[in-house]
PDB file of N, CA and C in Angstrom:
ATOM      1  N   MET A   1      68.854-142.494 124.887  1.00  0.00           N
ATOM      2  CA  MET A   1      69.190-141.105 124.677  1.00  0.00           C
ATOM      3  C   MET A   1      68.192-140.233 125.437  1.00  0.00           C
ATOM      4  N   THR A   2      68.687-139.242 126.132  1.00  0.00           N
ATOM      5  CA  THR A   2      67.814-138.321 126.841  1.00  0.00           C
ATOM      6  C   THR A   2      67.113-137.412 125.830  1.00  0.00           C
ATOM      7  N   PRO A   3      65.939-136.913 126.178  1.00  0.00           N
ATOM      8  CA  PRO A   3      65.237-136.010 125.258  1.00  0.00           C
ATOM      9  C   PRO A   3      66.112-134.797 124.924  1.00  0.00           C
ATOM     10  N   ARG A   4      66.023-134.385 123.686  1.00  0.00           N
ATOM     11  CA  ARG A   4      66.810-133.248 123.206  1.00  0.00           C
ATOM     12  C   ARG A   4      65.877-132.090 122.865  1.00  0.00           C
ATOM     13  N   GLU A   5      66.398-130.895 123.026  1.00  0.00           N
ATOM     14  CA  GLU A   5      65.640-129.684 122.730  1.00  0.00           C
ATOM     15  C   GLU A   5      65.308-129.577 121.237  1.00  0.00           C
ATOM     16  N   PHE A   6      66.248-130.015 120.390  1.00  0.00           N
ATOM     17  CA  PHE A   6      66.070-129.893 118.945  1.00  0.00           C
ATOM     18  C   PHE A   6      66.223-131.247 118.261  1.00  0.00           C
ATOM     19  N   ASP A   7      65.612-131.355 117.094  1.00  0.00           N
ATOM     20  CA  ASP A   7      65.837-132.502 116.225  1.00  0.00           C
ATOM     21  C   ASP A   7      67.094-132.274 115.385  1.00  0.00           C
ATOM     22  N   VAL A   8      67.260-131.049 114.883  1.00  0.00           N
ATOM     23  CA  VAL A   8      68.364-130.706 113.992  1.00  0.00           C
ATOM     24  C   VAL A   8      68.865-129.308 114.314  1.00  0.00           C
ATOM     25  N   ILE A   9      70.194-129.158 114.310  1.00  0.00           N
ATOM     26  CA  ILE A   9      70.821-127.837 114.328  1.00  0.00           C
ATOM     27  C   ILE A   9      71.670-127.728 113.071  1.00  0.00           C
ATOM     28  N   VAL A  10      71.496-126.635 112.341  1.00  0.00           N
ATOM     29  CA  VAL A  10      72.332-126.341 111.182  1.00  0.00           C
ATOM     30  C   VAL A  10      73.439-125.418 111.674  1.00  0.00           C
ATOM     31  N   PHE A  11      74.662-125.950 111.739  1.00  0.00           N
ATOM     32  CA  PHE A  11      75.814-125.184 112.230  1.00  0.00           C
ATOM     33  C   PHE A  11      76.590-124.635 111.044  1.00  0.00           C
ATOM     34  N   GLY A  12      76.903-123.345 111.112  1.00  0.00           N
ATOM     35  CA  GLY A  12      77.514-122.664 109.977  1.00  0.00           C
ATOM     36  C   GLY A  12      76.443-122.140 109.037  1.00  0.00           C
ATOM     37  N   SER A  13      75.280-121.873 109.596  1.00  0.00           N
ATOM     38  CA  SER A  13      74.106-121.560 108.789  1.00  0.00           C
ATOM     39  C   SER A  13      74.163-120.208 108.093  1.00  0.00           C
ATOM     40  N   THR A  14      75.078-119.337 108.467  1.00  0.00           N
ATOM     41  CA  THR A  14      75.141-118.034 107.797  1.00  0.00           C
ATOM     42  C   THR A  14      76.106-118.027 106.619  1.00  0.00           C
ATOM     43  N   GLY A  15      76.841-119.103 106.404  1.00  0.00           N
ATOM     44  CA  GLY A  15      77.687-119.222 105.222  1.00  0.00           C
ATOM     45  C   GLY A  15      76.849-119.609 104.011  1.00  0.00           C
ATOM     46  N   PHE A  16      77.474-119.688 102.850  1.00  0.00           N
ATOM     47  CA  PHE A  16      76.747-119.944 101.608  1.00  0.00           C
ATOM     48  C   PHE A  16      75.949-121.244 101.662  1.00  0.00           C
ATOM     49  N   VAL A  17      76.619-122.364 101.922  1.00  0.00           N
ATOM     50  CA  VAL A  17      75.927-123.660 101.922  1.00  0.00           C
ATOM     51  C   VAL A  17      75.028-123.797 103.154  1.00  0.00           C
ATOM     52  N   GLY A  18      75.449-123.264 104.267  1.00  0.00           N
ATOM     53  CA  GLY A  18      74.610-123.306 105.462  1.00  0.00           C
ATOM     54  C   GLY A  18      73.299-122.574 105.259  1.00  0.00           C
ATOM     55  N   ARG A  19      73.360-121.431 104.595  1.00  0.00           N
ATOM     56  CA  ARG A  19      72.148-120.663 104.290  1.00  0.00           C
ATOM     57  C   ARG A  19      71.225-121.471 103.367  1.00  0.00           C
ATOM     58  N   LEU A  20      71.812-122.098 102.345  1.00  0.00           N
ATOM     59  CA  LEU A  20      71.003-122.926 101.449  1.00  0.00           C
ATOM     60  C   LEU A  20      70.320-124.059 102.222  1.00  0.00           C
ATOM     61  N   THR A  21      71.051-124.656 103.152  1.00  0.00           N
ATOM     62  CA  THR A  21      70.501-125.743 103.967  1.00  0.00           C
ATOM     63  C   THR A  21      69.352-125.234 104.837  1.00  0.00           C
ATOM     64  N   ALA A  22      69.554-124.089 105.471  1.00  0.00           N
ATOM     65  CA  ALA A  22      68.503-123.506 106.310  1.00  0.00           C
ATOM     66  C   ALA A  22      67.277-123.131 105.477  1.00  0.00           C
ATOM     67  N   GLU A  23      67.506-122.578 104.294  1.00  0.00           N
ATOM     68  CA  GLU A  23      66.381-122.231 103.421  1.00  0.00           C
ATOM     69  C   GLU A  23      65.612-123.480 102.996  1.00  0.00           C
ATOM     70  N   TYR A  24      66.348-124.545 102.704  1.00  0.00           N
ATOM     71  CA  TYR A  24      65.685-125.805 102.329  1.00  0.00           C
ATOM     72  C   TYR A  24      64.800-126.292 103.478  1.00  0.00           C
ATOM     73  N   LEU A  25      65.343-126.284 104.686  1.00  0.00           N
ATOM     74  CA  LEU A  25      64.526-126.716 105.833  1.00  0.00           C
ATOM     75  C   LEU A  25      63.317-125.806 106.021  1.00  0.00           C
ATOM     76  N   ALA A  26      63.511-124.518 105.835  1.00  0.00           N
ATOM     77  CA  ALA A  26      62.398-123.577 105.990  1.00  0.00           C
ATOM     78  C   ALA A  26      61.259-123.904 105.030  1.00  0.00           C
ATOM     79  N   GLU A  27      61.603-124.365 103.850  1.00  0.00           N
ATOM     80  CA  GLU A  27      60.585-124.638 102.833  1.00  0.00           C
ATOM     81  C   GLU A  27      60.074-126.077 102.841  1.00  0.00           C
ATOM     82  N   HIS A  28      60.873-127.035 103.367  1.00  0.00           N
ATOM     83  CA  HIS A  28      60.520-128.441 103.195  1.00  0.00           C
ATOM     84  C   HIS A  28      60.468-129.284 104.472  1.00  0.00           C
ATOM     85  N   ALA A  29      60.810-128.725 105.607  1.00  0.00           N
ATOM     86  CA  ALA A  29      60.822-129.526 106.843  1.00  0.00           C
ATOM     87  C   ALA A  29      59.412-130.019 107.164  1.00  0.00           C
ATOM     88  N   ARG A  30      59.367-131.217 107.709  1.00  0.00           N
ATOM     89  CA  ARG A  30      58.073-131.753 108.110  1.00  0.00           C
ATOM     90  C   ARG A  30      57.504-130.890 109.235  1.00  0.00           C
ATOM     91  N   PRO A  31      56.187-130.783 109.292  1.00  0.00           N
ATOM     92  CA  PRO A  31      55.567-130.031 110.379  1.00  0.00           C
ATOM     93  C   PRO A  31      56.016-130.591 111.735  1.00  0.00           C
ATOM     94  N   GLY A  32      56.306-129.706 112.640  1.00  0.00           N
ATOM     95  CA  GLY A  32      56.698-130.119 113.980  1.00  0.00           C
ATOM     96  C   GLY A  32      58.182-130.367 114.175  1.00  0.00           C
ATOM     97  N   LEU A  33      58.976-130.295 113.090  1.00  0.00           N
ATOM     98  CA  LEU A  33      60.421-130.475 113.249  1.00  0.00           C
ATOM     99  C   LEU A  33      60.962-129.350 114.120  1.00  0.00           C
ATOM    100  N   LYS A  34      61.699-129.717 115.154  1.00  0.00           N
ATOM    101  CA  LYS A  34      62.303-128.720 116.041  1.00  0.00           C
ATOM    102  C   LYS A  34      63.743-128.512 115.576  1.00  0.00           C
ATOM    103  N   TRP A  35      64.025-127.337 115.032  1.00  0.00           N
ATOM    104  CA  TRP A  35      65.358-127.089 114.516  1.00  0.00           C
ATOM    105  C   TRP A  35      65.821-125.689 114.875  1.00  0.00           C
ATOM    106  N   ALA A  36      67.122-125.485 114.715  1.00  0.00           N
ATOM    107  CA  ALA A  36      67.739-124.207 115.064  1.00  0.00           C
ATOM    108  C   ALA A  36      68.874-123.930 114.092  1.00  0.00           C
ATOM    109  N   ILE A  37      69.280-122.678 114.055  1.00  0.00           N
ATOM    110  CA  ILE A  37      70.449-122.283 113.274  1.00  0.00           C
ATOM    111  C   ILE A  37      71.539-121.854 114.242  1.00  0.00           C
ATOM    112  N   ALA A  38      72.781-122.134 113.859  1.00  0.00           N
ATOM    113  CA  ALA A  38      73.903-121.836 114.744  1.00  0.00           C
ATOM    114  C   ALA A  38      75.092-121.341 113.928  1.00  0.00           C
ATOM    115  N   GLY A  39      75.912-120.522 114.585  1.00  0.00           N
ATOM    116  CA  GLY A  39      77.123-120.001 113.966  1.00  0.00           C
ATOM    117  C   GLY A  39      77.825-119.036 114.899  1.00  0.00           C
ATOM    118  N   ARG A  40      78.860-118.383 114.380  1.00  0.00           N
ATOM    119  CA  ARG A  40      79.686-117.511 115.219  1.00  0.00           C
ATOM    120  C   ARG A  40      79.084-116.150 115.508  1.00  0.00           C
ATOM    121  N   SER A  41      78.239-115.633 114.630  1.00  0.00           N
ATOM    122  CA  SER A  41      77.771-114.253 114.747  1.00  0.00           C
ATOM    123  C   SER A  41      76.282-114.186 115.061  1.00  0.00           C
ATOM    124  N   ALA A  42      75.967-113.680 116.244  1.00  0.00           N
ATOM    125  CA  ALA A  42      74.560-113.520 116.630  1.00  0.00           C
ATOM    126  C   ALA A  42      73.847-112.589 115.657  1.00  0.00           C
ATOM    127  N   GLU A  43      74.517-111.543 115.232  1.00  0.00           N
ATOM    128  CA  GLU A  43      73.911-110.577 114.310  1.00  0.00           C
ATOM    129  C   GLU A  43      73.554-111.236 112.969  1.00  0.00           C
ATOM    130  N   LYS A  44      74.465-112.025 112.428  1.00  0.00           N
ATOM    131  CA  LYS A  44      74.200-112.704 111.160  1.00  0.00           C
ATOM    132  C   LYS A  44      73.109-113.760 111.313  1.00  0.00           C
ATOM    133  N   LEU A  45      73.096-114.447 112.449  1.00  0.00           N
ATOM    134  CA  LEU A  45      72.051-115.439 112.696  1.00  0.00           C
ATOM    135  C   LEU A  45      70.676-114.782 112.759  1.00  0.00           C
ATOM    136  N   GLU A  46      70.587-113.646 113.420  1.00  0.00           N
ATOM    137  CA  GLU A  46      69.314-112.938 113.511  1.00  0.00           C
ATOM    138  C   GLU A  46      68.863-112.456 112.136  1.00  0.00           C
ATOM    139  N   SER A  47      69.798-111.994 111.317  1.00  0.00           N
ATOM    140  CA  SER A  47      69.473-111.569 109.958  1.00  0.00           C
ATOM    141  C   SER A  47      68.963-112.748 109.128  1.00  0.00           C
ATOM    142  N   LEU A  48      69.627-113.892 109.260  1.00  0.00           N
ATOM    143  CA  LEU A  48      69.173-115.083 108.546  1.00  0.00           C
ATOM    144  C   LEU A  48      67.783-115.488 109.016  1.00  0.00           C
ATOM    145  N   ARG A  49      67.559-115.462 110.306  1.00  0.00           N
ATOM    146  CA  ARG A  49      66.240-115.818 110.834  1.00  0.00           C
ATOM    147  C   ARG A  49      65.163-114.900 110.245  1.00  0.00           C
ATOM    148  N   ASP A  50      65.470-113.606 110.129  1.00  0.00           N
ATOM    149  CA  ASP A  50      64.519-112.676 109.523  1.00  0.00           C
ATOM    150  C   ASP A  50      64.225-113.059 108.077  1.00  0.00           C
ATOM    151  N   ASP A  51      65.269-113.445 107.345  1.00  0.00           N
ATOM    152  CA  ASP A  51      65.084-113.874 105.954  1.00  0.00           C
ATOM    153  C   ASP A  51      64.256-115.151 105.879  1.00  0.00           C
ATOM    154  N   LEU A  52      64.510-116.093 106.770  1.00  0.00           N
ATOM    155  CA  LEU A  52      63.758-117.347 106.777  1.00  0.00           C
ATOM    156  C   LEU A  52      62.284-117.108 107.120  1.00  0.00           C
ATOM    157  N   ALA A  53      62.028-116.133 107.966  1.00  0.00           N
ATOM    158  CA  ALA A  53      60.651-115.806 108.335  1.00  0.00           C
ATOM    159  C   ALA A  53      59.871-115.257 107.142  1.00  0.00           C
ATOM    160  N   GLN A  54      60.587-114.744 106.147  1.00  0.00           N
ATOM    161  CA  GLN A  54      59.907-114.318 104.918  1.00  0.00           C
ATOM    162  C   GLN A  54      59.397-115.534 104.138  1.00  0.00           C
ATOM    163  N   LEU A  55      60.121-116.650 104.253  1.00  0.00           N
ATOM    164  CA  LEU A  55      59.696-117.891 103.600  1.00  0.00           C
ATOM    165  C   LEU A  55      58.587-118.582 104.384  1.00  0.00           C
ATOM    166  N   ASP A  56      58.677-118.504 105.706  1.00  0.00           N
ATOM    167  CA  ASP A  56      57.700-119.146 106.584  1.00  0.00           C
ATOM    168  C   ASP A  56      57.582-118.291 107.839  1.00  0.00           C
ATOM    169  N   PRO A  57      56.504-117.538 107.974  1.00  0.00           N
ATOM    170  CA  PRO A  57      56.365-116.621 109.114  1.00  0.00           C
ATOM    171  C   PRO A  57      56.512-117.285 110.483  1.00  0.00           C
ATOM    172  N   SER A  58      56.258-118.579 110.578  1.00  0.00           N
ATOM    173  CA  SER A  58      56.405-119.252 111.874  1.00  0.00           C
ATOM    174  C   SER A  58      57.859-119.306 112.324  1.00  0.00           C
ATOM    175  N   LEU A  59      58.792-119.051 111.422  1.00  0.00           N
ATOM    176  CA  LEU A  59      60.217-119.097 111.773  1.00  0.00           C
ATOM    177  C   LEU A  59      60.727-117.792 112.378  1.00  0.00           C
ATOM    178  N   ALA A  60      59.851-116.839 112.601  1.00  0.00           N
ATOM    179  CA  ALA A  60      60.260-115.581 113.232  1.00  0.00           C
ATOM    180  C   ALA A  60      60.846-115.821 114.618  1.00  0.00           C
ATOM    181  N   GLU A  61      60.488-116.936 115.231  1.00  0.00           N
ATOM    182  CA  GLU A  61      60.988-117.277 116.566  1.00  0.00           C
ATOM    183  C   GLU A  61      61.987-118.438 116.530  1.00  0.00           C
ATOM    184  N   LEU A  62      62.497-118.768 115.344  1.00  0.00           N
ATOM    185  CA  LEU A  62      63.471-119.857 115.217  1.00  0.00           C
ATOM    186  C   LEU A  62      64.657-119.595 116.145  1.00  0.00           C
ATOM    187  N   ALA A  63      65.071-120.621 116.861  1.00  0.00           N
ATOM    188  CA  ALA A  63      66.194-120.478 117.796  1.00  0.00           C
ATOM    189  C   ALA A  63      67.496-120.221 117.047  1.00  0.00           C
ATOM    190  N   THR A  64      68.280-119.317 117.596  1.00  0.00           N
ATOM    191  CA  THR A  64      69.623-119.049 117.087  1.00  0.00           C
ATOM    192  C   THR A  64      70.611-119.341 118.209  1.00  0.00           C
ATOM    193  N   ILE A  65      71.737-119.966 117.835  1.00  0.00           N
ATOM    194  CA  ILE A  65      72.724-120.356 118.836  1.00  0.00           C
ATOM    195  C   ILE A  65      74.085-119.865 118.373  1.00  0.00           C
ATOM    196  N   GLU A  66      74.685-118.997 119.174  1.00  0.00           N
ATOM    197  CA  GLU A  66      76.016-118.480 118.862  1.00  0.00           C
ATOM    198  C   GLU A  66      77.060-119.431 119.439  1.00  0.00           C
ATOM    199  N   ALA A  67      77.965-119.906 118.569  1.00  0.00           N
ATOM    200  CA  ALA A  67      79.003-120.839 119.013  1.00  0.00           C
ATOM    201  C   ALA A  67      80.159-120.814 118.025  1.00  0.00           C
ATOM    202  N   ASP A  68      81.361-120.968 118.541  1.00  0.00           N
ATOM    203  CA  ASP A  68      82.572-120.994 117.719  1.00  0.00           C
ATOM    204  C   ASP A  68      83.056-122.437 117.603  1.00  0.00           C
ATOM    205  N   SER A  69      83.412-122.841 116.390  1.00  0.00           N
ATOM    206  CA  SER A  69      83.778-124.229 116.129  1.00  0.00           C
ATOM    207  C   SER A  69      85.029-124.694 116.857  1.00  0.00           C
ATOM    208  N   LEU A  70      85.891-123.779 117.281  1.00  0.00           N
ATOM    209  CA  LEU A  70      87.113-124.175 117.986  1.00  0.00           C
ATOM    210  C   LEU A  70      86.958-124.169 119.502  1.00  0.00           C
ATOM    211  N   ASP A  71      85.773-123.868 119.977  1.00  0.00           N
ATOM    212  CA  ASP A  71      85.474-123.818 121.414  1.00  0.00           C
ATOM    213  C   ASP A  71      84.828-125.142 121.815  1.00  0.00           C
ATOM    214  N   LEU A  72      85.619-126.084 122.319  1.00  0.00           N
ATOM    215  CA  LEU A  72      85.106-127.418 122.643  1.00  0.00           C
ATOM    216  C   LEU A  72      83.928-127.383 123.614  1.00  0.00           C
ATOM    217  N   PRO A  73      83.952-126.592 124.693  1.00  0.00           N
ATOM    218  CA  PRO A  73      82.759-126.554 125.559  1.00  0.00           C
ATOM    219  C   PRO A  73      81.505-126.067 124.812  1.00  0.00           C
ATOM    220  N   ALA A  74      81.664-125.127 123.912  1.00  0.00           N
ATOM    221  CA  ALA A  74      80.517-124.652 123.127  1.00  0.00           C
ATOM    222  C   ALA A  74      80.013-125.752 122.199  1.00  0.00           C
ATOM    223  N   MET A  75      80.940-126.530 121.630  1.00  0.00           N
ATOM    224  CA  MET A  75      80.539-127.633 120.751  1.00  0.00           C
ATOM    225  C   MET A  75      79.844-128.724 121.551  1.00  0.00           C
ATOM    226  N   ARG A  76      80.307-128.976 122.767  1.00  0.00           N
ATOM    227  CA  ARG A  76      79.639-129.955 123.631  1.00  0.00           C
ATOM    228  C   ARG A  76      78.213-129.516 123.943  1.00  0.00           C
ATOM    229  N   ALA A  77      78.069-128.250 124.290  1.00  0.00           N
ATOM    230  CA  ALA A  77      76.739-127.721 124.609  1.00  0.00           C
ATOM    231  C   ALA A  77      75.814-127.822 123.399  1.00  0.00           C
ATOM    232  N   LEU A  78      76.345-127.533 122.222  1.00  0.00           N
ATOM    233  CA  LEU A  78      75.563-127.633 120.990  1.00  0.00           C
ATOM    234  C   LEU A  78      75.122-129.075 120.762  1.00  0.00           C
ATOM    235  N   ALA A  79      76.062-130.000 120.841  1.00  0.00           N
ATOM    236  CA  ALA A  79      75.769-131.420 120.584  1.00  0.00           C
ATOM    237  C   ALA A  79      74.763-131.983 121.585  1.00  0.00           C
ATOM    238  N   GLU A  80      74.807-131.545 122.810  1.00  0.00           N
ATOM    239  CA  GLU A  80      73.911-132.068 123.841  1.00  0.00           C
ATOM    240  C   GLU A  80      72.474-131.581 123.684  1.00  0.00           C
ATOM    241  N   ARG A  81      72.270-130.537 122.867  1.00  0.00           N
ATOM    242  CA  ARG A  81      70.939-129.953 122.712  1.00  0.00           C
ATOM    243  C   ARG A  81      70.128-130.563 121.572  1.00  0.00           C
ATOM    244  N   THR A  82      70.754-131.405 120.730  1.00  0.00           N
ATOM    245  CA  THR A  82      70.073-131.851 119.524  1.00  0.00           C
ATOM    246  C   THR A  82      70.310-133.323 119.240  1.00  0.00           C
ATOM    247  N   LYS A  83      69.483-133.873 118.379  1.00  0.00           N
ATOM    248  CA  LYS A  83      69.665-135.247 117.921  1.00  0.00           C
ATOM    249  C   LYS A  83      70.653-135.313 116.761  1.00  0.00           C
ATOM    250  N   VAL A  84      70.647-134.272 115.902  1.00  0.00           N
ATOM    251  CA  VAL A  84      71.475-134.242 114.690  1.00  0.00           C
ATOM    252  C   VAL A  84      72.071-132.857 114.526  1.00  0.00           C
ATOM    253  N   ILE A  85      73.357-132.816 114.161  1.00  0.00           N
ATOM    254  CA  ILE A  85      73.981-131.563 113.742  1.00  0.00           C
ATOM    255  C   ILE A  85      74.413-131.726 112.297  1.00  0.00           C
ATOM    256  N   ALA A  86      73.948-130.797 111.460  1.00  0.00           N
ATOM    257  CA  ALA A  86      74.405-130.697 110.077  1.00  0.00           C
ATOM    258  C   ALA A  86      75.329-129.492 110.027  1.00  0.00           C
ATOM    259  N   THR A  87      76.596-129.730 109.738  1.00  0.00           N
ATOM    260  CA  THR A  87      77.566-128.645 109.752  1.00  0.00           C
ATOM    261  C   THR A  87      78.114-128.369 108.361  1.00  0.00           C
ATOM    262  N   THR A  88      78.332-127.094 108.104  1.00  0.00           N
ATOM    263  CA  THR A  88      78.946-126.661 106.852  1.00  0.00           C
ATOM    264  C   THR A  88      80.200-125.843 107.145  1.00  0.00           C
ATOM    265  N   VAL A  89      80.736-125.982 108.347  1.00  0.00           N
ATOM    266  CA  VAL A  89      81.891-125.193 108.778  1.00  0.00           C
ATOM    267  C   VAL A  89      83.173-125.911 108.384  1.00  0.00           C
ATOM    268  N   GLY A  90      83.812-125.426 107.361  1.00  0.00           N
ATOM    269  CA  GLY A  90      85.065-126.008 106.888  1.00  0.00           C
ATOM    270  C   GLY A  90      86.091-124.919 106.655  1.00  0.00           C
ATOM    271  N   PRO A  91      87.297-125.285 106.310  1.00  0.00           N
ATOM    272  CA  PRO A  91      87.716-126.660 106.039  1.00  0.00           C
ATOM    273  C   PRO A  91      87.680-127.481 107.327  1.00  0.00           C
ATOM    274  N   TYR A  92      87.209-128.688 107.176  1.00  0.00           N
ATOM    275  CA  TYR A  92      86.967-129.546 108.334  1.00  0.00           C
ATOM    276  C   TYR A  92      88.257-129.926 109.058  1.00  0.00           C
ATOM    277  N   ALA A  93      89.351-130.091 108.316  1.00  0.00           N
ATOM    278  CA  ALA A  93      90.622-130.425 108.962  1.00  0.00           C
ATOM    279  C   ALA A  93      91.061-129.320 109.909  1.00  0.00           C
ATOM    280  N   LYS A  94      90.605-128.103 109.666  1.00  0.00           N
ATOM    281  CA  LYS A  94      90.976-126.972 110.526  1.00  0.00           C
ATOM    282  C   LYS A  94      89.935-126.717 111.619  1.00  0.00           C
ATOM    283  N   TYR A  95      88.652-126.851 111.283  1.00  0.00           N
ATOM    284  CA  TYR A  95      87.597-126.443 112.198  1.00  0.00           C
ATOM    285  C   TYR A  95      86.675-127.568 112.687  1.00  0.00           C
ATOM    286  N   GLY A  96      86.855-128.783 112.206  1.00  0.00           N
ATOM    287  CA  GLY A  96      85.856-129.799 112.430  1.00  0.00           C
ATOM    288  C   GLY A  96      85.970-130.683 113.648  1.00  0.00           C
ATOM    289  N   GLU A  97      87.185-130.965 114.114  1.00  0.00           N
ATOM    290  CA  GLU A  97      87.317-131.997 115.146  1.00  0.00           C
ATOM    291  C   GLU A  97      86.594-131.700 116.455  1.00  0.00           C
ATOM    292  N   PRO A  98      86.584-130.478 116.979  1.00  0.00           N
ATOM    293  CA  PRO A  98      85.847-130.282 118.234  1.00  0.00           C
ATOM    294  C   PRO A  98      84.373-130.700 118.144  1.00  0.00           C
ATOM    295  N   LEU A  99      83.741-130.423 117.008  1.00  0.00           N
ATOM    296  CA  LEU A  99      82.340-130.805 116.862  1.00  0.00           C
ATOM    297  C   LEU A  99      82.194-132.310 116.687  1.00  0.00           C
ATOM    298  N   VAL A 100      83.068-132.935 115.925  1.00  0.00           N
ATOM    299  CA  VAL A 100      83.015-134.397 115.782  1.00  0.00           C
ATOM    300  C   VAL A 100      83.154-135.045 117.156  1.00  0.00           C
ATOM    301  N   LYS A 101      84.138-134.604 117.930  1.00  0.00           N
ATOM    302  CA  LYS A 101      84.360-135.167 119.266  1.00  0.00           C
ATOM    303  C   LYS A 101      83.136-134.951 120.155  1.00  0.00           C
ATOM    304  N   ALA A 102      82.594-133.740 120.125  1.00  0.00           N
ATOM    305  CA  ALA A 102      81.431-133.431 120.959  1.00  0.00           C
ATOM    306  C   ALA A 102      80.239-134.307 120.577  1.00  0.00           C
ATOM    307  N   CYS A 103      80.026-134.503 119.297  1.00  0.00           N
ATOM    308  CA  CYS A 103      78.910-135.336 118.851  1.00  0.00           C
ATOM    309  C   CYS A 103      79.126-136.796 119.252  1.00  0.00           C
ATOM    310  N   ALA A 104      80.336-137.289 119.077  1.00  0.00           N
ATOM    311  CA  ALA A 104      80.634-138.670 119.473  1.00  0.00           C
ATOM    312  C   ALA A 104      80.398-138.855 120.972  1.00  0.00           C
ATOM    313  N   ASP A 105      80.854-137.905 121.762  1.00  0.00           N
ATOM    314  CA  ASP A 105      80.689-138.000 123.215  1.00  0.00           C
ATOM    315  C   ASP A 105      79.225-137.915 123.644  1.00  0.00           C
ATOM    316  N   ALA A 106      78.436-137.113 122.928  1.00  0.00           N
ATOM    317  CA  ALA A 106      77.043-136.887 123.320  1.00  0.00           C
ATOM    318  C   ALA A 106      76.076-137.872 122.672  1.00  0.00           C
ATOM    319  N   GLY A 107      76.555-138.691 121.741  1.00  0.00           N
ATOM    320  CA  GLY A 107      75.662-139.598 121.035  1.00  0.00           C
ATOM    321  C   GLY A 107      74.776-138.874 120.031  1.00  0.00           C
ATOM    322  N   THR A 108      75.282-137.781 119.500  1.00  0.00           N
ATOM    323  CA  THR A 108      74.553-136.962 118.537  1.00  0.00           C
ATOM    324  C   THR A 108      74.981-137.336 117.131  1.00  0.00           C
ATOM    325  N   ASP A 109      74.010-137.502 116.239  1.00  0.00           N
ATOM    326  CA  ASP A 109      74.345-137.791 114.850  1.00  0.00           C
ATOM    327  C   ASP A 109      74.996-136.558 114.224  1.00  0.00           C
ATOM    328  N   TYR A 110      76.031-136.805 113.428  1.00  0.00           N
ATOM    329  CA  TYR A 110      76.849-135.753 112.826  1.00  0.00           C
ATOM    330  C   TYR A 110      76.774-135.882 111.314  1.00  0.00           C
ATOM    331  N   LEU A 111      76.557-134.766 110.641  1.00  0.00           N
ATOM    332  CA  LEU A 111      76.452-134.747 109.188  1.00  0.00           C
ATOM    333  C   LEU A 111      77.228-133.552 108.663  1.00  0.00           C
ATOM    334  N   ASP A 112      78.083-133.791 107.660  1.00  0.00           N
ATOM    335  CA  ASP A 112      78.774-132.681 107.012  1.00  0.00           C
ATOM    336  C   ASP A 112      78.833-132.930 105.520  1.00  0.00           C
ATOM    337  N   LEU A 113      79.487-132.050 104.793  1.00  0.00           N
ATOM    338  CA  LEU A 113      79.639-132.208 103.352  1.00  0.00           C
ATOM    339  C   LEU A 113      81.120-132.272 102.993  1.00  0.00           C
ATOM    340  N   CYS A 114      81.876-132.873 103.859  1.00  0.00           N
ATOM    341  CA  CYS A 114      83.333-132.914 103.761  1.00  0.00           C
ATOM    342  C   CYS A 114      83.816-133.670 102.525  1.00  0.00           C
ATOM    343  N   GLY A 115      84.828-133.116 101.908  1.00  0.00           N
ATOM    344  CA  GLY A 115      85.524-133.781 100.822  1.00  0.00           C
ATOM    345  C   GLY A 115      86.987-133.946 101.168  1.00  0.00           C
ATOM    346  N   GLU A 116      87.275-134.189 102.432  1.00  0.00           N
ATOM    347  CA  GLU A 116      88.642-134.294 102.936  1.00  0.00           C
ATOM    348  C   GLU A 116      88.865-135.707 103.482  1.00  0.00           C
ATOM    349  N   PRO A 117      89.122-136.683 102.601  1.00  0.00           N
ATOM    350  CA  PRO A 117      89.170-138.082 103.043  1.00  0.00           C
ATOM    351  C   PRO A 117      90.238-138.384 104.087  1.00  0.00           C
ATOM    352  N   ALA A 118      91.383-137.738 104.037  1.00  0.00           N
ATOM    353  CA  ALA A 118      92.408-138.003 105.061  1.00  0.00           C
ATOM    354  C   ALA A 118      91.897-137.576 106.437  1.00  0.00           C
ATOM    355  N   TRP A 119      91.249-136.440 106.511  1.00  0.00           N
ATOM    356  CA  TRP A 119      90.689-135.968 107.778  1.00  0.00           C
ATOM    357  C   TRP A 119      89.568-136.903 108.236  1.00  0.00           C
ATOM    358  N   MET A 120      88.736-137.327 107.305  1.00  0.00           N
ATOM    359  CA  MET A 120      87.650-138.238 107.654  1.00  0.00           C
ATOM    360  C   MET A 120      88.207-139.513 108.285  1.00  0.00           C
ATOM    361  N   ARG A 121      89.267-140.057 107.719  1.00  0.00           N
ATOM    362  CA  ARG A 121      89.888-141.267 108.268  1.00  0.00           C
ATOM    363  C   ARG A 121      90.411-140.990 109.676  1.00  0.00           C
ATOM    364  N   GLN A 122      91.041-139.838 109.873  1.00  0.00           N
ATOM    365  CA  GLN A 122      91.553-139.479 111.201  1.00  0.00           C
ATOM    366  C   GLN A 122      90.419-139.398 112.215  1.00  0.00           C
ATOM    367  N   MET A 123      89.287-138.818 111.822  1.00  0.00           N
ATOM    368  CA  MET A 123      88.152-138.675 112.739  1.00  0.00           C
ATOM    369  C   MET A 123      87.555-140.037 113.081  1.00  0.00           C
ATOM    370  N   ILE A 124      87.459-140.904 112.098  1.00  0.00           N
ATOM    371  CA  ILE A 124      86.954-142.261 112.366  1.00  0.00           C
ATOM    372  C   ILE A 124      87.881-142.974 113.331  1.00  0.00           C
ATOM    373  N   ASP A 125      89.182-142.936 113.055  1.00  0.00           N
ATOM    374  CA  ASP A 125      90.145-143.605 113.925  1.00  0.00           C
ATOM    375  C   ASP A 125      90.111-143.022 115.345  1.00  0.00           C
ATOM    376  N   ALA A 126      89.960-141.713 115.452  1.00  0.00           N
ATOM    377  CA  ALA A 126      90.008-141.064 116.770  1.00  0.00           C
ATOM    378  C   ALA A 126      88.720-141.210 117.562  1.00  0.00           C
ATOM    379  N   HIS A 127      87.549-141.292 116.884  1.00  0.00           N
ATOM    380  CA  HIS A 127      86.284-141.166 117.603  1.00  0.00           C
ATOM    381  C   HIS A 127      85.285-142.289 117.350  1.00  0.00           C
ATOM    382  N   GLU A 128      85.666-143.295 116.582  1.00  0.00           N
ATOM    383  CA  GLU A 128      84.728-144.348 116.232  1.00  0.00           C
ATOM    384  C   GLU A 128      84.139-145.064 117.443  1.00  0.00           C
ATOM    385  N   ALA A 129      84.969-145.326 118.406  1.00  0.00           N
ATOM    386  CA  ALA A 129      84.463-146.072 119.587  1.00  0.00           C
ATOM    387  C   ALA A 129      83.352-145.310 120.294  1.00  0.00           C
TER     388      ALA A 129
END
């Protein structure tokens, strides 16, 4: 695997669960973890970054990445920048496949909180190789 800019990207970080995930990382990430927040709205990402900097002032410069889940080139670019993507962008059957495909193609670990077993089976069948 080629070196990646980030260890983890939290995609969908301005939503309810994404925000909780970002806050958890802000408070508990190991020193030196290279991570970023990503989502559709640059304005919301910047606001979240400001909130996270209240928890840890070093996060004032946390990277923000604007990307739409249905934009396959944007998902490819996201996947190529990191080792792991943790996504909270659902419903996954509607918004998830471009990111799954991008991660499979880039060799990026993919993590979600999906409770959609039929979709999960489809993604395994489509992208397992």
